[in-house]
Amino acid sequence: MKKSLKELLQLNYKVEIEKIPDSEGGGYCASIPLLGKNACRGDGDTVEEAYESLDSIKEYLFKKWLSEGTNIPEPLNDNIEDIND
């Protein structure tokens, strides 16, 4: 069953933050590699701004992909513990 936009936006995607060299304008870049490092990325002068920009881009892309019927990869839940251990 496909998830709604709200459900997708609540998933815990791994985010990578990189410092942008001053020679390239400075600031920070935030991206979600699972969704395409260059497809889903935001930037800003601070880490917080980059993350906020990424959230806006992610919501835009999810709306677009849902309307197109594009499959949206979901993160694996690495925090699940085996209760049989």
Protein backbone atom coordinates (compact mmCIF):
# COMPACT_ATOMS: atom_id res chain seq x y z
CA MET A 1 0.00 0.00 0.00
CA LYS A 2 1.34 3.40 -0.95
CA LYS A 3 1.89 5.94 1.77
CA SER A 4 0.31 9.39 1.82
CA LEU A 5 2.34 12.57 1.56
CA LYS A 6 2.00 13.10 5.30
CA GLU A 7 3.25 9.57 6.03
CA LEU A 8 6.20 9.94 3.66
CA LEU A 9 7.24 13.26 5.18
CA GLN A 10 7.36 11.66 8.62
CA LEU A 11 9.79 8.91 7.57
CA ASN A 12 13.31 9.14 8.98
CA TYR A 13 15.54 9.57 5.91
CA LYS A 14 19.30 9.73 6.42
CA VAL A 15 20.47 13.29 5.73
CA GLU A 16 24.03 14.22 4.80
CA ILE A 17 25.31 17.70 5.59
CA GLU A 18 28.37 19.05 3.78
CA LYS A 19 30.17 22.35 4.13
CA ILE A 20 30.33 24.23 0.84
CA PRO A 21 33.82 25.63 0.24
CA ASP A 22 34.09 29.41 0.43
CA SER A 23 35.44 29.35 -3.13
CA GLU A 24 32.03 27.97 -4.19
CA GLY A 25 29.96 30.47 -2.21
CA GLY A 26 30.18 28.97 1.28
CA GLY A 27 27.40 27.71 3.49
CA TYR A 28 26.08 24.19 3.84
CA CYS A 29 24.39 21.60 1.65
CA ALA A 30 21.92 19.02 2.99
CA SER A 31 20.93 16.02 0.89
CA ILE A 32 19.12 12.70 1.11
CA PRO A 33 21.28 10.14 -0.74
CA LEU A 34 18.49 7.52 -0.89
CA LEU A 35 16.39 9.93 -2.98
CA GLY A 36 19.30 11.00 -5.17
CA LYS A 37 22.04 13.13 -3.69
CA ASN A 38 21.65 15.73 -6.42
CA ALA A 39 17.87 15.37 -6.79
CA CYS A 40 16.91 16.03 -3.19
CA ARG A 41 19.16 18.70 -1.75
CA GLY A 42 18.92 22.08 -0.11
CA ASP A 43 21.45 24.69 0.90
CA GLY A 44 21.81 27.64 3.24
CA ASP A 45 24.21 29.83 5.14
CA THR A 46 23.78 27.64 8.25
CA VAL A 47 23.15 23.93 8.83
CA GLU A 48 19.63 24.81 10.02
CA GLU A 49 18.88 26.80 6.84
CA ALA A 50 20.19 23.96 4.67
CA TYR A 51 17.98 21.46 6.52
CA GLU A 52 14.91 23.72 6.20
CA SER A 53 15.61 24.13 2.49
CA LEU A 54 15.93 20.35 2.15
CA ASP A 55 12.56 19.85 3.88
CA SER A 56 10.89 22.20 1.39
CA ILE A 57 12.50 20.46 -1.59
CA LYS A 58 11.58 17.02 -0.20
CA GLU A 59 7.92 18.01 0.18
CA TYR A 60 7.85 19.47 -3.36
CA LEU A 61 9.46 16.33 -4.83
CA PHE A 62 7.17 13.96 -2.92
CA LYS A 63 4.07 15.83 -4.16
CA LYS A 64 5.42 15.73 -7.71
CA TRP A 65 6.40 12.07 -7.56
CA LEU A 66 3.07 11.03 -6.00
CA SER A 67 1.13 12.87 -8.73
CA GLU A 68 3.26 11.16 -11.40
CA GLY A 69 2.95 7.72 -9.80
CA THR A 70 6.71 7.55 -9.29
CA ASN A 71 7.95 5.02 -6.74
CA ILE A 72 9.44 6.79 -3.71
CA PRO A 73 12.14 4.79 -1.91
CA GLU A 74 11.59 4.43 1.82
CA PRO A 75 14.37 4.27 4.38
CA LEU A 76 15.10 0.98 6.09
CA ASN A 77 14.47 1.03 9.81
CA ASP A 78 17.88 0.18 11.28
CA ASN A 79 16.56 0.62 14.82
CA ILE A 80 14.39 -2.49 14.87
CA GLU A 81 15.61 -4.92 17.50
CA ASP A 82 15.09 -8.64 17.29
CA ILE A 83 12.91 -9.50 20.29
CA ASN A 84 14.10 -13.12 20.12
CA ASP A 85 17.65 -12.20 21.19
